C-alpha cells in the first residue's frame, strides 16, 4: 500500500500579528525557524499568543497591513506572501517542514521547489534565507513600531 500524506493548509486567516518573541502569528499558528533549521507553522504556545504588533485587514487591497506599511497577502490557494522589499512566498501548511522563496532565492523543503520556472531559483540555507527575508521583514515592522 502507498503512503498517503495529508497536508493541512491554514485557510480563513483573520488575525495576523508579531508576538512578544518576534515571530509572525497567523490566527493561532506561529511561523518559526526550528532548532533543526526547518521553517514551520506550528500551533503557538499560550505564551507565544501575546501580540506586540497587530496587522489590520485592508478589505480594498485584500491584504493585512501593519503600522508602518508592512503588508501580508494570503492567497486562497494556501500561500502566504510577505510584501516587503521583495515578496516572500511561504506555503500555509501546518505542522510540516516548509519552504520559502523570493523571485530569485529558494530555501527549505525541496518538495516545494518549482519544477517549471522561467529561471531557476538560487538555493540558500534555510537559516540565511530566514534571517535575510523573513526576520528582516519582521524587524522593519518592529523598528517602525518601537520608534
N, C-alpha and C. Protein backbone atom coordinates (compact mmCIF):
# COMPACT_ATOMS: atom_id res chain seq x y z
N UNK A 1 0.85 -1.20 0.00
CA UNK A 1 0.00 0.00 0.00
C UNK A 1 0.88 1.24 0.00
N UNK A 2 0.48 2.25 -0.75
CA UNK A 2 1.23 3.50 -0.83
C UNK A 2 1.03 4.35 0.41
N UNK A 3 2.00 5.16 0.66
CA UNK A 3 1.94 6.07 1.81
C UNK A 3 1.08 7.28 1.43
N UNK A 4 0.08 7.55 2.24
CA UNK A 4 -0.80 8.70 1.98
C UNK A 4 -0.43 9.82 2.94
N UNK A 5 -0.16 10.98 2.38
CA UNK A 5 0.22 12.13 3.20
C UNK A 5 -0.85 13.20 3.05
N UNK A 6 -1.46 13.56 4.15
CA UNK A 6 -2.48 14.59 4.13
C UNK A 6 -1.90 15.85 4.73
N UNK A 7 -1.84 16.90 3.93
CA UNK A 7 -1.33 18.17 4.41
C UNK A 7 -2.51 19.05 4.82
N UNK A 8 -2.36 19.67 5.96
CA UNK A 8 -3.40 20.55 6.46
C UNK A 8 -2.99 21.99 6.15
N UNK A 9 -3.80 22.67 5.34
CA UNK A 9 -3.49 24.03 4.90
C UNK A 9 -4.29 25.02 5.75
N UNK A 10 -3.59 26.03 6.24
CA UNK A 10 -4.23 27.07 7.04
C UNK A 10 -4.99 28.00 6.11
N UNK A 11 -6.31 28.05 6.30
CA UNK A 11 -7.15 28.94 5.50
C UNK A 11 -7.95 29.81 6.44
N UNK A 12 -8.70 30.74 5.90
CA UNK A 12 -9.51 31.65 6.70
C UNK A 12 -8.69 32.36 7.77
N UNK A 13 -7.60 32.94 7.36
CA UNK A 13 -6.76 33.70 8.28
C UNK A 13 -7.45 35.04 8.55
N UNK A 14 -7.74 35.30 9.81
CA UNK A 14 -8.45 36.53 10.17
C UNK A 14 -7.67 37.38 11.15
N UNK A 15 -6.49 36.89 11.57
CA UNK A 15 -5.71 37.61 12.56
C UNK A 15 -4.22 37.35 12.30
N UNK A 16 -3.45 38.42 12.09
CA UNK A 16 -2.01 38.29 11.92
C UNK A 16 -1.34 39.29 12.84
N UNK A 17 -0.33 38.81 13.56
CA UNK A 17 0.42 39.72 14.44
C UNK A 17 1.83 39.21 14.63
N UNK A 18 2.67 40.10 15.19
CA UNK A 18 4.01 39.71 15.61
C UNK A 18 3.93 39.57 17.12
N UNK A 19 4.34 38.41 17.62
CA UNK A 19 4.23 38.16 19.05
C UNK A 19 5.42 38.75 19.82
N UNK A 20 5.37 38.60 21.14
CA UNK A 20 6.42 39.14 22.02
C UNK A 20 7.79 38.51 21.72
N UNK A 21 7.80 37.31 21.14
CA UNK A 21 9.05 36.63 20.78
C UNK A 21 9.60 37.11 19.44
N UNK A 22 8.84 37.97 18.75
CA UNK A 22 9.31 38.49 17.47
C UNK A 22 9.03 37.59 16.29
N UNK A 23 8.01 36.72 16.40
CA UNK A 23 7.64 35.84 15.30
C UNK A 23 6.26 36.22 14.77
N UNK A 24 6.03 35.95 13.48
CA UNK A 24 4.71 36.16 12.90
C UNK A 24 3.76 35.07 13.37
N UNK A 25 2.53 35.46 13.69
CA UNK A 25 1.49 34.50 14.08
C UNK A 25 0.29 34.72 13.18
N UNK A 26 -0.22 33.61 12.63
CA UNK A 26 -1.38 33.61 11.74
C UNK A 26 -2.48 32.86 12.48
N UNK A 27 -3.54 33.57 12.88
CA UNK A 27 -4.56 33.03 13.78
C UNK A 27 -3.85 32.54 15.05
N UNK A 28 -3.70 31.23 15.21
CA UNK A 28 -3.00 30.71 16.40
C UNK A 28 -1.75 29.93 16.02
N UNK A 29 -1.25 30.14 14.80
CA UNK A 29 -0.10 29.37 14.31
C UNK A 29 1.10 30.29 14.11
N UNK A 30 2.20 29.91 14.76
CA UNK A 30 3.41 30.72 14.77
C UNK A 30 4.37 30.25 13.68
N UNK A 31 4.88 31.20 12.89
CA UNK A 31 5.88 30.88 11.87
C UNK A 31 7.24 30.91 12.55
N UNK A 32 7.90 29.75 12.58
CA UNK A 32 9.17 29.65 13.30
C UNK A 32 10.24 28.99 12.43
N UNK A 33 11.49 29.27 12.82
CA UNK A 33 12.63 28.52 12.29
C UNK A 33 13.02 27.58 13.42
N UNK A 34 12.79 26.29 13.22
CA UNK A 34 13.04 25.32 14.30
C UNK A 34 14.54 25.19 14.58
N UNK A 35 14.85 24.60 15.72
CA UNK A 35 16.26 24.36 16.08
C UNK A 35 16.95 23.50 15.03
N UNK A 36 16.18 22.63 14.37
CA UNK A 36 16.73 21.76 13.33
C UNK A 36 16.87 22.50 11.99
N UNK A 37 16.43 23.76 11.94
CA UNK A 37 16.59 24.55 10.71
C UNK A 37 15.45 24.44 9.72
N UNK A 38 14.25 24.07 10.20
CA UNK A 38 13.09 23.97 9.32
C UNK A 38 12.16 25.16 9.55
N UNK A 39 11.61 25.71 8.47
CA UNK A 39 10.57 26.72 8.58
C UNK A 39 9.27 25.97 8.80
N UNK A 40 8.54 26.35 9.86
CA UNK A 40 7.30 25.64 10.19
C UNK A 40 6.23 26.59 10.69
N UNK A 41 4.98 26.22 10.46
CA UNK A 41 3.82 26.89 11.05
C UNK A 41 3.29 25.95 12.12
N UNK A 42 3.58 26.27 13.37
CA UNK A 42 3.20 25.40 14.48
C UNK A 42 2.17 26.08 15.36
N UNK A 43 1.38 25.28 16.03
CA UNK A 43 0.41 25.82 16.97
C UNK A 43 1.17 26.60 18.04
N UNK A 44 0.82 27.86 18.22
CA UNK A 44 1.55 28.73 19.15
C UNK A 44 1.21 28.37 20.59
N UNK A 45 2.24 28.26 21.40
CA UNK A 45 2.04 28.04 22.83
C UNK A 45 1.35 29.27 23.41
N UNK A 46 0.70 29.11 24.55
CA UNK A 46 -0.05 30.22 25.15
C UNK A 46 0.81 31.47 25.32
N UNK A 47 2.07 31.30 25.76
CA UNK A 47 2.93 32.47 25.97
C UNK A 47 3.36 33.12 24.66
N UNK A 48 3.16 32.42 23.54
CA UNK A 48 3.52 32.97 22.23
C UNK A 48 2.34 33.67 21.55
N UNK A 49 1.19 33.75 22.25
CA UNK A 49 -0.01 34.34 21.64
C UNK A 49 -0.24 35.78 22.07
N UNK A 50 0.75 36.39 22.72
CA UNK A 50 0.61 37.78 23.13
C UNK A 50 1.20 38.68 22.04
N UNK A 51 0.35 39.54 21.46
CA UNK A 51 0.76 40.36 20.33
C UNK A 51 1.59 41.56 20.75
N UNK A 52 2.66 41.83 20.00
CA UNK A 52 3.43 43.06 20.16
C UNK A 52 2.90 44.09 19.15
N UNK A 53 2.65 43.64 17.91
CA UNK A 53 2.12 44.50 16.85
C UNK A 53 1.11 43.68 16.05
N UNK A 54 -0.05 44.26 15.79
CA UNK A 54 -1.11 43.56 15.05
C UNK A 54 -1.33 44.22 13.70
N UNK A 55 -1.56 43.39 12.69
CA UNK A 55 -1.88 43.89 11.35
C UNK A 55 -3.38 44.08 11.23
N UNK A 56 -3.79 45.08 10.45
CA UNK A 56 -5.20 45.33 10.19
C UNK A 56 -5.56 44.78 8.82
N UNK A 57 -6.77 44.25 8.71
CA UNK A 57 -7.27 43.76 7.43
C UNK A 57 -7.67 44.95 6.57
N UNK A 58 -7.14 45.01 5.37
CA UNK A 58 -7.48 46.07 4.41
C UNK A 58 -8.34 45.44 3.33
N UNK A 59 -9.64 45.64 3.44
CA UNK A 59 -10.58 44.96 2.54
C UNK A 59 -10.43 45.42 1.09
N UNK A 60 -10.05 46.68 0.86
CA UNK A 60 -9.91 47.16 -0.51
C UNK A 60 -8.68 46.56 -1.19
N UNK A 61 -7.61 46.35 -0.43
CA UNK A 61 -6.39 45.77 -1.02
C UNK A 61 -6.33 44.26 -0.87
N UNK A 62 -7.26 43.70 -0.08
CA UNK A 62 -7.32 42.26 0.15
C UNK A 62 -6.03 41.73 0.77
N UNK A 63 -5.56 42.46 1.81
CA UNK A 63 -4.33 42.06 2.48
C UNK A 63 -4.31 42.63 3.90
N UNK A 64 -3.40 42.13 4.70
CA UNK A 64 -3.19 42.64 6.06
C UNK A 64 -2.07 43.67 6.01
N UNK A 65 -2.24 44.76 6.77
CA UNK A 65 -1.24 45.82 6.79
C UNK A 65 -0.84 46.14 8.23
N UNK A 66 0.47 46.14 8.47
CA UNK A 66 0.99 46.52 9.78
C UNK A 66 1.19 48.03 9.81
N UNK A 67 1.16 48.63 11.00
CA UNK A 67 1.50 50.04 11.10
C UNK A 67 2.92 50.23 10.52
N UNK A 68 3.11 51.26 9.74
CA UNK A 68 4.41 51.47 9.11
C UNK A 68 4.49 50.90 7.71
N UNK A 69 3.49 50.10 7.32
CA UNK A 69 3.40 49.68 5.92
C UNK A 69 3.73 48.25 5.58
N UNK A 70 4.23 47.43 6.51
CA UNK A 70 4.48 46.02 6.18
C UNK A 70 3.17 45.34 5.81
N UNK A 71 3.15 44.63 4.67
CA UNK A 71 1.90 44.03 4.20
C UNK A 71 2.06 42.53 4.01
N UNK A 72 0.96 41.80 4.28
CA UNK A 72 0.93 40.36 4.07
C UNK A 72 -0.34 40.02 3.31
N UNK A 73 -0.16 39.33 2.22
CA UNK A 73 -1.29 38.86 1.41
C UNK A 73 -1.43 37.35 1.65
N UNK A 74 -2.65 36.89 1.78
CA UNK A 74 -2.91 35.46 1.95
C UNK A 74 -3.67 35.00 0.72
N UNK A 75 -3.00 34.20 -0.10
CA UNK A 75 -3.62 33.70 -1.32
C UNK A 75 -4.50 32.51 -0.96
N UNK A 76 -5.69 32.46 -1.52
CA UNK A 76 -6.63 31.40 -1.13
C UNK A 76 -6.17 30.00 -1.51
N UNK A 77 -5.15 29.90 -2.36
CA UNK A 77 -4.62 28.58 -2.70
C UNK A 77 -3.70 28.05 -1.60
N UNK A 78 -3.54 28.83 -0.52
CA UNK A 78 -2.72 28.36 0.59
C UNK A 78 -1.31 28.91 0.58
N UNK A 79 -1.15 30.14 0.13
CA UNK A 79 0.18 30.76 0.08
C UNK A 79 0.14 32.06 0.86
N UNK A 80 1.13 32.25 1.73
CA UNK A 80 1.30 33.49 2.47
C UNK A 80 2.38 34.28 1.74
N UNK A 81 2.10 35.56 1.47
CA UNK A 81 3.07 36.39 0.74
C UNK A 81 3.41 37.61 1.59
N UNK A 82 4.66 37.67 2.04
CA UNK A 82 5.14 38.83 2.77
C UNK A 82 5.53 39.88 1.75
N UNK A 83 4.92 41.04 1.81
CA UNK A 83 5.15 42.10 0.82
C UNK A 83 6.17 43.09 1.39
N UNK A 84 7.44 42.73 1.37
CA UNK A 84 8.49 43.63 1.83
C UNK A 84 9.23 44.22 0.66
N UNK A 85 10.56 44.35 0.79
CA UNK A 85 11.37 44.86 -0.32
C UNK A 85 11.21 43.98 -1.55
N UNK A 86 11.17 42.67 -1.33
CA UNK A 86 10.81 41.74 -2.40
C UNK A 86 9.83 40.74 -1.79
N UNK A 87 8.85 40.28 -2.56
CA UNK A 87 7.86 39.36 -2.00
C UNK A 87 8.51 38.06 -1.54
N UNK A 88 8.02 37.54 -0.40
CA UNK A 88 8.47 36.25 0.12
C UNK A 88 7.25 35.34 0.15
N UNK A 89 7.36 34.18 -0.50
CA UNK A 89 6.26 33.24 -0.63
C UNK A 89 6.48 32.07 0.33
N UNK A 90 5.46 31.79 1.16
CA UNK A 90 5.55 30.71 2.14
C UNK A 90 4.25 29.90 2.07
N UNK A 91 4.34 28.58 1.86
CA UNK A 91 3.10 27.78 1.85
C UNK A 91 2.49 27.75 3.25
N UNK A 92 1.18 27.87 3.34
CA UNK A 92 0.47 27.90 4.62
C UNK A 92 0.08 26.50 5.06
N UNK A 93 1.06 25.61 5.13
CA UNK A 93 0.82 24.22 5.52
C UNK A 93 1.21 24.06 6.99
N UNK A 94 0.33 23.46 7.76
CA UNK A 94 0.54 23.34 9.20
C UNK A 94 1.39 22.13 9.56
N UNK A 95 2.20 22.28 10.60
CA UNK A 95 2.96 21.19 11.21
C UNK A 95 3.79 20.38 10.21
N UNK A 96 4.41 21.07 9.27
CA UNK A 96 5.24 20.38 8.27
C UNK A 96 6.51 21.20 8.06
N UNK A 97 7.51 20.57 7.49
CA UNK A 97 8.72 21.28 7.11
C UNK A 97 8.41 22.03 5.82
N UNK A 98 8.51 23.37 5.87
CA UNK A 98 8.10 24.20 4.75
C UNK A 98 9.28 24.70 3.95
N UNK A 99 8.98 25.46 2.93
CA UNK A 99 9.98 26.16 2.13
C UNK A 99 9.56 27.61 2.09
N UNK A 100 10.44 28.44 1.58
CA UNK A 100 10.11 29.84 1.33
C UNK A 100 10.92 30.26 0.12
N UNK A 101 10.38 31.23 -0.59
CA UNK A 101 11.08 31.67 -1.80
C UNK A 101 10.81 33.15 -2.06
N UNK A 102 11.76 33.76 -2.76
CA UNK A 102 11.54 35.09 -3.33
C UNK A 102 11.52 34.86 -4.84
N UNK A 103 11.57 35.91 -5.60
CA UNK A 103 11.61 35.73 -7.06
C UNK A 103 12.96 35.19 -7.53
N UNK A 104 13.97 35.23 -6.65
CA UNK A 104 15.32 34.77 -7.04
C UNK A 104 15.87 33.64 -6.18
N UNK A 105 15.42 33.52 -4.93
CA UNK A 105 16.00 32.55 -4.00
C UNK A 105 14.97 31.56 -3.46
N UNK A 106 15.49 30.41 -3.06
CA UNK A 106 14.66 29.34 -2.50
C UNK A 106 15.39 28.73 -1.31
N UNK A 107 14.60 28.37 -0.27
CA UNK A 107 15.18 27.68 0.88
C UNK A 107 14.14 26.75 1.48
N UNK A 108 14.62 25.67 2.07
CA UNK A 108 13.70 24.78 2.79
C UNK A 108 13.41 23.49 2.05
N UNK A 109 12.25 22.93 2.34
CA UNK A 109 11.82 21.63 1.85
C UNK A 109 11.75 21.62 0.32
N UNK A 110 12.55 20.77 -0.29
CA UNK A 110 12.68 20.68 -1.74
C UNK A 110 11.37 20.27 -2.42
N UNK A 111 10.45 19.69 -1.66
CA UNK A 111 9.12 19.32 -2.16
C UNK A 111 8.45 20.52 -2.83
N UNK A 112 8.71 21.72 -2.32
CA UNK A 112 8.06 22.94 -2.82
C UNK A 112 8.83 23.62 -3.95
N UNK A 113 9.98 23.09 -4.32
CA UNK A 113 10.77 23.74 -5.37
C UNK A 113 10.00 23.68 -6.69
N UNK A 114 9.81 24.84 -7.34
CA UNK A 114 9.03 24.84 -8.59
C UNK A 114 9.78 24.12 -9.72
N UNK A 115 9.13 23.14 -10.30
CA UNK A 115 9.75 22.35 -11.37
C UNK A 115 9.85 23.18 -12.64
N UNK A 116 8.75 23.83 -13.00
CA UNK A 116 8.77 24.65 -14.22
C UNK A 116 8.76 26.12 -13.83
N UNK A 117 9.92 26.71 -13.93
CA UNK A 117 10.06 28.12 -13.59
C UNK A 117 10.84 28.78 -14.71
N UNK A 118 10.53 30.05 -15.00
CA UNK A 118 11.22 30.75 -16.09
C UNK A 118 12.72 30.76 -15.88
N UNK A 119 13.12 31.00 -14.64
CA UNK A 119 14.54 30.94 -14.30
C UNK A 119 14.67 30.11 -13.04
N UNK A 120 15.77 29.38 -12.92
CA UNK A 120 15.91 28.57 -11.73
C UNK A 120 16.24 29.46 -10.55
N UNK A 121 15.71 29.08 -9.40
CA UNK A 121 15.93 29.85 -8.17
C UNK A 121 17.24 29.42 -7.54
N UNK A 122 17.93 30.35 -6.94
CA UNK A 122 19.19 30.05 -6.26
C UNK A 122 18.85 29.48 -4.89
N UNK A 123 19.34 28.28 -4.61
CA UNK A 123 19.06 27.65 -3.31
C UNK A 123 20.00 28.22 -2.26
N UNK A 124 19.43 28.57 -1.09
CA UNK A 124 20.24 29.07 0.03
C UNK A 124 19.91 28.26 1.27
N UNK A 125 20.75 28.42 2.29
CA UNK A 125 20.46 27.73 3.54
C UNK A 125 19.21 28.35 4.15
N UNK A 126 18.44 27.52 4.82
CA UNK A 126 17.18 27.99 5.40
C UNK A 126 17.45 29.07 6.45
N UNK A 127 18.51 28.90 7.25
CA UNK A 127 18.83 29.90 8.27
C UNK A 127 19.14 31.25 7.63
N UNK A 128 19.96 31.27 6.58
CA UNK A 128 20.31 32.53 5.91
C UNK A 128 19.09 33.17 5.27
N UNK A 129 18.28 32.34 4.61
CA UNK A 129 17.07 32.87 3.96
C UNK A 129 16.15 33.47 5.01
N UNK A 130 15.94 32.76 6.11
CA UNK A 130 15.04 33.24 7.17
C UNK A 130 15.53 34.58 7.72
N UNK A 131 16.83 34.68 7.98
CA UNK A 131 17.39 35.93 8.51
C UNK A 131 17.24 37.07 7.51
N UNK A 132 17.60 36.83 6.26
CA UNK A 132 17.63 37.88 5.25
C UNK A 132 16.25 38.33 4.78
N UNK A 133 15.28 37.43 4.81
CA UNK A 133 13.98 37.75 4.22
C UNK A 133 12.83 37.82 5.22
N UNK A 134 12.69 36.82 6.06
CA UNK A 134 11.56 36.80 7.00
C UNK A 134 11.88 37.62 8.25
N UNK A 135 13.04 37.37 8.85
CA UNK A 135 13.42 38.12 10.06
C UNK A 135 13.56 39.61 9.74
N UNK A 136 14.12 39.96 8.60
CA UNK A 136 14.28 41.38 8.25
C UNK A 136 12.91 42.05 8.02
N UNK A 137 11.96 41.31 7.46
CA UNK A 137 10.59 41.82 7.28
C UNK A 137 9.98 42.16 8.64
N UNK A 138 10.14 41.24 9.59
CA UNK A 138 9.62 41.44 10.95
C UNK A 138 10.33 42.60 11.64
N UNK A 139 11.66 42.65 11.49
CA UNK A 139 12.45 43.71 12.14
C UNK A 139 12.04 45.10 11.65
N UNK A 140 11.75 45.23 10.35
CA UNK A 140 11.32 46.53 9.80
C UNK A 140 10.03 46.99 10.47
N UNK A 141 9.10 46.07 10.65
CA UNK A 141 7.82 46.40 11.29
C UNK A 141 8.05 46.79 12.75
N UNK A 142 8.85 46.01 13.45
CA UNK A 142 9.12 46.29 14.87
C UNK A 142 9.88 47.60 15.04
N UNK A 143 10.82 47.86 14.14
CA UNK A 143 11.60 49.10 14.20
C UNK A 143 10.67 50.31 14.08
N UNK A 144 9.74 50.24 13.14
CA UNK A 144 8.78 51.34 12.97
C UNK A 144 7.90 51.45 14.21
N UNK A 145 7.45 50.30 14.73
CA UNK A 145 6.54 50.27 15.87
C UNK A 145 7.17 50.87 17.12
N UNK A 146 8.45 50.55 17.36
CA UNK A 146 9.11 51.00 18.59
C UNK A 146 9.70 52.39 18.46
N UNK A 147 9.72 52.97 17.23
CA UNK A 147 10.33 54.30 17.08
C UNK A 147 9.35 55.42 17.40
